[in-house]
Amino acid sequence: MRTVTAILGLLLSTLTQSPLFGLQEEPLSPSVSALIRSVQAGVSTAETKFWQRHSAPLIEAVPDDSTQSLVTFVFRAEAEAQNVIVITPLSLVDFSASLMTRIPGTSTWYRTYTLSDSVRFLYRFGIDDNLLPFDQDRNLFARMGTWIPDPANPRRFSFGDGSEGSILELPLAQSESWIHPRSGEGGTMEESLLLSDILEGKRAVGVYLPPGFSREKPPYPLVVFHDGDSYQGLIPAPTILDNLIAEGRIPPTVAVFLPASANRGEEYDCNPRWGRLVASEIVPWARERYHAGLEASRTFVVGFSLGGLAAACTAHQHPDVFGGVLAQSGSFYRAPAGEAPEWLSRSIAAGERSSIRWYLEIGSYERSAIPSRDPSMLTASRHLRDVLLAKGVMLRYEERPTGHEHVAWRASLAPALVWLLTP
């Protein structure tokens, strides 16, 4: 259930409203246009030959534009299907922007967008969808269970619970080369139980130790990952660390992975108690046990979505402990109970300048406010960026044409770690 809830949270965090922010409303796919003409001309084999000739989705050039492509999602549905939608980060509120068109006389449905050649995101199809906005759907989990990946696209992303999405990746998308295991010696993972006075109990943690680890060597940098279960699976951080270390892009590094608990929403919501746990228990424990993060300038905290907010708040609340923070699509619109939205940005603006290094990244499709909340993920990230720039701190800020998705974060983690860990 936690995985399903996480997927729902990611979907709700990428809600976008019509119009589609510069996307053409009715771009024309040459391949689809050719199919339509052939069907109208009575060519009985036209549809069969179309599917034999083309992979999915269709990627076609935009005349006189080397930075964008026509992307056409195509799907074959049963004759009785009343509607087909393509679920992407582009249109999850206004379902008129995700409805596909059936070519008369065929079982082929299509929807075309003009997209940046740097795009990477997931998509799925819904057949006979109820078209309700998510915040009005009382049976959303059952509805999501009917969505399917693209049968014609072999590239899939598994959410770990048996469900999958299909990957759209255009030629200039950020490289994923760091996520694949390579030959050579890799690091090791340890599982430990941390006894916490603050939590009044034990908390399981995973620890990555670089190749050749020894407590007798000079102190190691320390990276603390929120949502550590996801950063060991959906985002293969241990493999990424192996590859970066092997190629000398970062120094040998120790990483602590903090799995999300059932109280994730409470713990990660700029909760001072959680910040104290990480700063005053987890980091000292890692320093003593693994000879890592002995200086704040060599201690970093990482997270995505709500975990990105938790990482940022923890670093902000304990600048004497952390030298850098990486937030991947941080939920900066949120605030602790009783506070107005964007609490972190206001707190930083009112405080003293710190020496923390910030790496913020956000998807350019994360641009609509979640129902009953304000502002959007993108707007809140831009606000925090502006506050940090005004404070004069060291900042790297990236916007990429993606949604709120692990498939994007796993590609961007490596360059972010290089920037943080390289003086």
Protein backbone atom coordinates (compact mmCIF):
# COMPACT_ATOMS: atom_id res chain seq x y z
CA MET A 1 0.00 0.00 0.00
CA ARG A 2 2.87 2.39 0.77
CA THR A 3 4.17 2.00 -2.80
CA VAL A 4 0.73 2.73 -4.24
CA THR A 5 0.40 5.74 -1.97
CA ALA A 6 3.81 6.98 -3.08
CA ILE A 7 2.82 6.65 -6.74
CA LEU A 8 -0.38 8.56 -6.03
CA GLY A 9 1.62 11.28 -4.32
CA LEU A 10 3.91 11.58 -7.31
CA LEU A 11 0.96 11.78 -9.68
CA LEU A 12 -0.80 14.41 -7.63
CA SER A 13 2.43 16.38 -7.45
CA THR A 14 2.61 16.64 -11.24
CA LEU A 15 -0.89 17.90 -11.88
CA THR A 16 -0.90 20.32 -14.79
CA GLN A 17 -3.69 22.49 -16.07
CA SER A 18 -4.78 23.47 -19.57
CA PRO A 19 -3.53 25.12 -21.69
CA LEU A 20 -0.49 22.90 -22.06
CA PHE A 21 2.15 25.55 -21.45
CA GLY A 22 3.37 26.17 -24.97
CA LEU A 23 2.54 22.74 -26.38
CA GLN A 24 0.72 22.75 -29.69
CA GLU A 25 -2.93 21.88 -29.22
CA GLU A 26 -3.22 19.94 -32.50
CA PRO A 27 0.20 19.26 -34.03
CA LEU A 28 0.17 17.00 -37.06
CA SER A 29 2.08 13.69 -37.16
CA PRO A 30 3.18 12.89 -40.72
CA SER A 31 2.95 9.14 -40.06
CA VAL A 32 -0.55 9.35 -38.64
CA SER A 33 -1.62 11.66 -41.44
CA ALA A 34 -0.35 9.12 -43.97
CA LEU A 35 -2.29 6.35 -42.23
CA ILE A 36 -5.47 8.42 -42.25
CA ARG A 37 -5.11 9.10 -45.97
CA SER A 38 -4.51 5.41 -46.72
CA VAL A 39 -7.54 4.32 -44.69
CA GLN A 40 -9.69 6.93 -46.41
CA ALA A 41 -8.43 5.66 -49.76
CA GLY A 42 -9.64 2.17 -48.90
CA VAL A 43 -6.23 0.50 -48.46
CA SER A 44 -7.21 -2.57 -46.41
CA THR A 45 -3.67 -3.29 -45.23
CA ALA A 46 -2.86 0.28 -44.16
CA GLU A 47 -3.27 -0.18 -40.41
CA THR A 48 -1.39 -3.48 -40.31
CA LYS A 49 1.52 -2.02 -42.26
CA PHE A 50 1.54 1.08 -40.02
CA TRP A 51 2.06 -1.06 -36.90
CA GLN A 52 4.66 -3.22 -38.63
CA ARG A 53 6.62 -0.17 -39.74
CA HIS A 54 6.58 2.04 -36.64
CA SER A 55 7.75 1.71 -33.06
CA ALA A 56 5.91 3.49 -30.27
CA PRO A 57 5.67 6.25 -29.42
CA LEU A 58 6.30 7.91 -32.77
CA ILE A 59 9.16 10.42 -32.72
CA GLU A 60 9.23 12.78 -35.70
CA ALA A 61 11.09 15.95 -36.57
CA VAL A 62 9.66 19.43 -36.24
CA PRO A 63 10.50 21.39 -39.42
CA ASP A 64 13.23 24.00 -38.88
CA ASP A 65 13.55 23.18 -35.17
CA SER A 66 16.41 21.01 -33.89
CA THR A 67 15.40 21.31 -30.23
CA GLN A 68 11.92 19.78 -30.36
CA SER A 69 10.18 16.72 -31.76
CA LEU A 70 6.65 15.63 -32.57
CA VAL A 71 5.80 12.85 -30.11
CA THR A 72 2.74 10.79 -30.98
CA PHE A 73 1.38 8.26 -28.51
CA VAL A 74 -0.43 5.48 -30.38
CA PHE A 75 -2.56 2.67 -29.00
CA ARG A 76 -4.70 -0.16 -30.40
CA ALA A 77 -7.96 -0.59 -28.50
CA GLU A 78 -10.96 -2.89 -28.84
CA ALA A 79 -13.73 -1.70 -31.12
CA GLU A 80 -16.13 -1.00 -28.24
CA ALA A 81 -13.75 1.36 -26.37
CA GLN A 82 -15.47 4.69 -25.67
CA ASN A 83 -12.31 6.63 -24.89
CA VAL A 84 -8.56 6.19 -24.48
CA ILE A 85 -6.35 8.59 -22.53
CA VAL A 86 -2.58 8.83 -22.29
CA ILE A 87 -1.54 9.56 -18.69
CA THR A 88 1.59 11.73 -18.59
CA PRO A 89 2.87 14.64 -16.49
CA LEU A 90 1.48 16.93 -19.19
CA SER A 91 -2.21 16.75 -18.37
CA LEU A 92 -3.61 15.15 -15.25
CA VAL A 93 -6.32 17.67 -14.39
CA ASP A 94 -7.77 18.64 -17.75
CA PHE A 95 -8.38 15.23 -19.28
CA SER A 96 -9.45 16.83 -22.54
CA ALA A 97 -5.72 17.39 -23.01
CA SER A 98 -4.98 13.67 -22.67
CA LEU A 99 -7.87 12.21 -24.68
CA MET A 100 -6.69 10.33 -27.72
CA THR A 101 -8.38 10.39 -31.13
CA ARG A 102 -9.51 7.26 -32.91
CA ILE A 103 -8.79 6.99 -36.61
CA PRO A 104 -12.17 6.09 -38.17
CA GLY A 105 -12.31 2.59 -39.53
CA THR A 106 -9.37 1.38 -37.40
CA SER A 107 -8.55 0.32 -33.85
CA THR A 108 -5.74 2.90 -33.67
CA TRP A 109 -5.91 5.88 -31.33
CA TYR A 110 -3.37 8.71 -31.21
CA ARG A 111 -2.38 11.94 -29.46
CA THR A 112 0.48 14.19 -30.62
CA TYR A 113 2.49 16.75 -28.67
CA THR A 114 5.40 18.99 -29.53
CA LEU A 115 8.06 18.35 -26.88
CA SER A 116 11.60 19.38 -26.04
CA ASP A 117 14.24 16.89 -27.15
CA SER A 118 15.42 16.78 -23.52
CA VAL A 119 12.20 15.15 -22.28
CA ARG A 120 12.14 12.06 -20.10
CA PHE A 121 8.98 10.91 -18.33
CA LEU A 122 6.65 7.95 -17.82
CA TYR A 123 3.31 7.39 -19.47
CA ARG A 124 0.49 4.86 -19.34
CA PHE A 125 -2.84 4.35 -21.07
CA GLY A 126 -6.36 4.32 -19.65
CA ILE A 127 -9.23 2.72 -21.55
CA ASP A 128 -12.79 3.92 -20.89
CA ASP A 129 -11.56 6.22 -18.13
CA ASN A 130 -14.15 8.07 -16.04
CA LEU A 131 -12.28 11.36 -16.81
CA LEU A 132 -12.84 12.68 -13.29
CA PRO A 133 -10.22 15.06 -11.88
CA PHE A 134 -8.18 13.21 -9.26
CA ASP A 135 -9.46 15.30 -6.38
CA GLN A 136 -13.06 14.32 -7.27
CA ASP A 137 -12.45 10.58 -7.69
CA ARG A 138 -13.51 8.54 -4.65
CA ASN A 139 -12.10 5.30 -6.04
CA LEU A 140 -8.79 6.47 -7.40
CA PHE A 141 -6.74 3.41 -6.44
CA ALA A 142 -9.02 1.12 -8.42
CA ARG A 143 -8.88 3.49 -11.35
CA MET A 144 -5.09 3.62 -11.30
CA GLY A 145 -5.03 -0.17 -11.29
CA THR A 146 -6.61 -0.21 -14.74
CA TRP A 147 -3.89 1.92 -16.35
CA ILE A 148 -1.44 -0.04 -18.46
CA PRO A 149 1.99 0.56 -19.99
CA ASP A 150 2.44 0.82 -23.74
CA PRO A 151 2.35 -2.69 -25.24
CA ALA A 152 4.39 -1.44 -28.20
CA ASN A 153 7.19 0.16 -26.12
CA PRO A 154 9.67 -2.29 -24.52
CA ARG A 155 11.19 0.37 -22.28
CA ARG A 156 9.50 0.06 -18.87
CA PHE A 157 9.96 1.41 -15.36
CA SER A 158 8.80 -0.83 -12.52
CA PHE A 159 7.34 0.77 -9.40
CA GLY A 160 8.25 -2.34 -7.40
CA ASP A 161 4.71 -3.49 -6.67
CA GLY A 162 4.02 -5.19 -9.97
CA SER A 163 2.88 -2.04 -11.77
CA GLU A 164 4.87 -0.46 -14.58
CA GLY A 165 5.01 2.67 -16.68
CA SER A 166 6.46 3.15 -20.15
CA ILE A 167 9.44 5.45 -20.61
CA LEU A 168 9.47 8.33 -23.07
CA GLU A 169 13.04 9.48 -23.59
CA LEU A 170 14.08 11.86 -26.36
CA PRO A 171 17.62 12.15 -27.77
CA LEU A 172 18.87 15.01 -25.59
CA ALA A 173 17.53 13.66 -22.28
CA GLN A 174 20.03 13.58 -19.44
CA SER A 175 22.27 10.52 -19.61
CA GLU A 176 21.39 7.50 -17.48
CA SER A 177 24.79 5.86 -17.92
CA TRP A 178 25.62 6.08 -14.20
CA ILE A 179 22.70 3.89 -13.08
CA HIS A 180 23.98 0.69 -14.72
CA PRO A 181 26.36 -1.69 -12.88
CA ARG A 182 29.84 -1.89 -14.35
CA SER A 183 32.63 -4.39 -13.99
CA GLY A 184 35.14 -3.91 -11.21
CA GLU A 185 35.08 -3.77 -7.46
CA GLY A 186 32.01 -2.22 -5.90
CA GLY A 187 31.10 -1.03 -2.45
CA THR A 188 29.23 -3.01 0.16
CA MET A 189 25.94 -2.50 1.98
CA GLU A 190 25.42 -3.04 5.71
CA GLU A 191 22.12 -3.15 7.55
CA SER A 192 22.13 -1.69 11.05
CA LEU A 193 19.72 -0.82 13.83
CA LEU A 194 20.16 2.63 15.34
CA LEU A 195 18.96 3.03 18.92
CA SER A 196 17.33 6.46 19.08
CA ASP A 197 16.56 8.39 22.25
CA ILE A 198 14.56 10.90 20.22
CA LEU A 199 12.36 8.22 18.66
CA GLU A 200 12.40 6.17 21.87
CA GLY A 201 13.10 3.07 19.84
CA LYS A 202 15.14 1.58 17.04
CA ARG A 203 15.35 2.66 13.42
CA ALA A 204 16.72 0.45 10.66
CA VAL A 205 19.30 2.07 8.40
CA GLY A 206 21.34 0.91 5.44
CA VAL A 207 24.98 1.95 5.10
CA TYR A 208 27.02 2.04 1.91
CA LEU A 209 30.76 1.53 2.34
CA PRO A 210 33.03 2.33 -0.62
CA PRO A 211 35.47 -0.21 -2.06
CA GLY A 212 38.49 -0.69 0.20
CA PHE A 213 36.74 0.92 3.15
CA SER A 214 38.83 1.13 6.32
CA ARG A 215 38.31 3.10 9.50
CA GLU A 216 42.06 3.65 9.51
CA LYS A 217 41.96 5.75 6.35
CA PRO A 218 41.44 9.54 6.33
CA PRO A 219 37.86 10.63 7.09
CA TYR A 220 35.29 9.94 4.39
CA PRO A 221 32.58 12.28 3.16
CA LEU A 222 29.12 11.33 4.46
CA VAL A 223 25.86 11.47 2.50
CA VAL A 224 22.54 10.88 4.29
CA PHE A 225 19.65 9.81 2.04
CA HIS A 226 16.00 10.24 3.01
CA ASP A 227 13.61 7.65 1.54
CA GLY A 228 16.57 5.31 1.67
CA ASP A 229 14.52 2.32 0.51
CA SER A 230 13.70 4.12 -2.75
CA TYR A 231 17.29 5.34 -3.12
CA GLN A 232 18.42 1.70 -3.00
CA GLY A 233 15.81 0.46 -5.48
CA LEU A 234 13.89 2.81 -7.76
CA ILE A 235 16.95 5.09 -7.75
CA PRO A 236 20.06 2.86 -7.59
CA ALA A 237 22.25 5.18 -5.50
CA PRO A 238 24.73 2.45 -4.42
CA THR A 239 25.44 1.61 -8.07
CA ILE A 240 25.75 5.31 -8.90
CA LEU A 241 28.20 5.79 -6.03
CA ASP A 242 30.22 2.77 -7.23
CA ASN A 243 30.51 4.20 -10.73
CA LEU A 244 31.35 7.75 -9.66
CA ILE A 245 34.02 6.54 -7.24
CA ALA A 246 35.50 4.11 -9.78
CA GLU A 247 35.94 6.89 -12.34
CA GLY A 248 37.32 9.37 -9.81
CA ARG A 249 34.40 11.75 -10.15
CA ILE A 250 33.86 11.78 -6.38
CA PRO A 251 36.08 10.65 -3.48
CA PRO A 252 35.32 7.36 -1.70
CA THR A 253 32.17 8.17 0.26
CA VAL A 254 30.06 6.62 3.01
CA ALA A 255 26.29 6.86 2.62
CA VAL A 256 23.52 6.27 5.16
CA PHE A 257 20.09 5.31 3.80
CA LEU A 258 17.14 6.12 6.05
CA PRO A 259 14.08 4.12 4.93
CA ALA A 260 10.77 5.97 5.04
CA SER A 261 8.52 4.99 7.93
CA ALA A 262 4.75 4.86 8.24
CA ASN A 263 5.05 8.38 9.73
CA ARG A 264 6.85 9.79 6.68
CA GLY A 265 4.37 12.64 6.22
CA GLU A 266 4.84 13.83 9.80
CA GLU A 267 8.57 13.20 10.08
CA TYR A 268 9.54 14.82 6.77
CA ASP A 269 7.34 17.92 6.98
CA CYS A 270 10.05 20.28 8.30
CA ASN A 271 9.68 18.53 11.66
CA PRO A 272 12.33 19.87 14.10
CA ARG A 273 12.28 16.54 15.94
CA TRP A 274 13.28 14.74 12.76
CA GLY A 275 15.99 17.28 12.06
CA ARG A 276 17.43 16.69 15.54
CA LEU A 277 17.34 12.94 14.96
CA VAL A 278 19.41 13.21 11.79
CA ALA A 279 21.81 15.88 13.07
CA SER A 280 22.34 14.78 16.66
CA GLU A 281 21.97 10.99 16.44
CA ILE A 282 22.46 9.65 12.92
CA VAL A 283 25.41 11.82 11.90
CA PRO A 284 27.34 11.34 15.21
CA TRP A 285 26.67 7.59 14.98
CA ALA A 286 28.08 7.50 11.42
CA ARG A 287 31.06 9.60 12.45
CA GLU A 288 31.99 7.28 15.28
CA ARG A 289 31.25 3.99 13.55
CA TYR A 290 32.44 4.74 10.02
CA HIS A 291 34.89 7.63 10.39
CA ALA A 292 32.78 9.70 7.98
CA GLY A 293 31.46 13.25 7.92
CA LEU A 294 33.79 14.51 10.63
CA GLU A 295 33.43 18.05 9.27
CA ALA A 296 30.26 19.86 8.25
CA SER A 297 31.82 20.72 4.88
CA ARG A 298 32.02 16.97 4.17
CA THR A 299 28.52 16.05 5.38
CA PHE A 300 25.55 16.14 3.00
CA VAL A 301 21.85 15.36 3.11
CA VAL A 302 19.70 14.25 0.16
CA GLY A 303 16.04 13.61 -0.63
CA PHE A 304 13.31 13.72 -3.25
CA SER A 305 9.79 15.16 -3.02
CA LEU A 306 8.80 15.32 0.66
CA GLY A 307 12.18 13.80 1.48
CA GLY A 308 13.77 16.71 -0.39
CA LEU A 309 11.92 19.11 1.89
CA ALA A 310 13.10 17.13 4.93
CA ALA A 311 16.69 17.21 3.70
CA ALA A 312 16.56 20.97 3.11
CA CYS A 313 14.91 21.72 6.45
CA THR A 314 17.34 19.49 8.32
CA ALA A 315 20.33 21.25 6.78
CA HIS A 316 18.79 24.68 7.36
CA GLN A 317 18.07 23.88 11.00
CA HIS A 318 21.57 22.46 11.57
CA PRO A 319 24.09 24.39 9.46
CA ASP A 320 26.81 23.44 11.93
CA VAL A 321 26.35 19.77 10.95
CA PHE A 322 25.71 19.86 7.18
CA GLY A 323 27.69 21.48 4.40
CA GLY A 324 25.41 20.69 1.50
CA VAL A 325 21.91 19.62 0.55
CA LEU A 326 20.43 18.03 -2.57
CA ALA A 327 16.67 18.32 -3.05
CA GLN A 328 15.19 16.56 -6.07
CA SER A 329 11.74 18.06 -6.71
CA GLY A 330 11.47 19.18 -3.10
CA SER A 331 7.98 19.78 -1.68
CA PHE A 332 8.78 23.36 -0.74
CA TYR A 333 5.15 24.48 -0.93
CA ARG A 334 4.52 22.63 2.34
CA ALA A 335 4.84 23.93 5.88
CA PRO A 336 4.71 22.54 9.43
CA ALA A 337 1.28 22.35 11.05
CA GLY A 338 -0.13 25.79 11.70
CA GLU A 339 2.27 27.58 9.33
CA ALA A 340 1.54 29.19 5.96
CA PRO A 341 2.85 27.56 2.76
CA GLU A 342 6.55 27.89 1.86
CA TRP A 343 7.71 28.04 5.46
CA LEU A 344 11.29 27.12 4.54
CA SER A 345 11.76 29.98 2.08
CA ARG A 346 10.46 32.49 4.61
CA SER A 347 12.64 31.06 7.37
CA ILE A 348 15.78 31.26 5.23
CA ALA A 349 14.92 34.79 4.14
CA ALA A 350 14.56 35.91 7.76
CA GLY A 351 17.70 34.16 9.00
CA GLU A 352 21.42 34.62 8.73
CA ARG A 353 23.38 33.58 5.65
CA SER A 354 24.87 30.11 6.02
CA SER A 355 27.72 28.33 4.24
CA ILE A 356 25.51 25.45 3.09
CA ARG A 357 25.81 24.52 -0.59
CA TRP A 358 22.43 23.96 -2.26
CA TYR A 359 21.60 21.81 -5.26
CA LEU A 360 17.95 22.18 -6.26
CA GLU A 361 16.31 20.52 -9.23
CA ILE A 362 12.72 20.49 -10.40
CA GLY A 363 10.72 19.26 -13.38
CA SER A 364 9.33 21.97 -15.62
CA TYR A 365 6.03 20.02 -15.80
CA GLU A 366 5.52 20.24 -12.01
CA ARG A 367 3.66 23.46 -12.52
CA SER A 368 0.17 23.23 -11.14
CA ALA A 369 -0.92 23.59 -7.54
CA ILE A 370 -2.03 20.37 -5.92
CA PRO A 371 -5.77 20.64 -5.15
CA SER A 372 -6.38 22.66 -1.99
CA ARG A 373 -2.69 23.59 -1.79
CA ASP A 374 -0.66 26.43 -3.14
CA PRO A 375 1.69 27.11 -4.82
CA SER A 376 2.93 24.54 -7.34
CA MET A 377 6.11 22.51 -6.89
CA LEU A 378 7.79 24.52 -9.65
CA THR A 379 6.73 27.91 -8.30
CA ALA A 380 7.84 27.04 -4.77
CA SER A 381 11.22 25.83 -6.03
CA ARG A 382 11.72 29.05 -7.95
CA HIS A 383 10.82 31.07 -4.87
CA LEU A 384 13.38 29.17 -2.78
CA ARG A 385 15.96 29.63 -5.54
CA ASP A 386 15.41 33.38 -5.49
CA VAL A 387 15.71 33.54 -1.71
CA LEU A 388 18.97 31.58 -1.76
CA LEU A 389 20.37 33.78 -4.52
CA ALA A 390 19.46 36.87 -2.53
CA LYS A 391 21.28 35.39 0.47
CA GLY A 392 24.38 34.89 -1.66
CA VAL A 393 24.81 31.20 -0.88
CA MET A 394 26.44 28.72 -3.24
CA LEU A 395 23.61 27.33 -5.38
CA ARG A 396 23.10 25.09 -8.37
CA TYR A 397 19.54 25.17 -9.72
CA GLU A 398 18.26 22.97 -12.55
CA GLU A 399 14.93 22.80 -14.37
CA ARG A 400 14.43 19.92 -16.79
CA PRO A 401 11.44 18.86 -18.93
CA THR A 402 10.33 16.04 -16.65
CA GLY A 403 7.60 15.31 -14.15
CA HIS A 404 7.71 14.32 -10.48
CA GLU A 405 9.25 10.93 -11.17
CA HIS A 406 11.93 8.49 -10.06
CA VAL A 407 12.83 7.90 -13.70
CA ALA A 408 14.04 11.51 -13.83
CA TRP A 409 15.69 11.58 -10.38
CA ARG A 410 17.77 8.48 -11.03
CA ALA A 411 19.35 10.18 -14.06
CA SER A 412 20.07 13.47 -12.30
CA LEU A 413 21.47 12.07 -9.04
CA ALA A 414 25.00 11.44 -10.36
CA PRO A 415 25.79 14.98 -11.61
CA ALA A 416 24.25 16.43 -8.45
CA LEU A 417 26.48 14.29 -6.23
CA VAL A 418 29.52 15.27 -8.28
CA TRP A 419 28.74 18.94 -7.76
CA LEU A 420 28.17 18.53 -4.02
CA LEU A 421 31.14 16.28 -3.28
CA THR A 422 33.68 18.07 -5.46
CA PRO A 423 35.17 21.10 -3.68
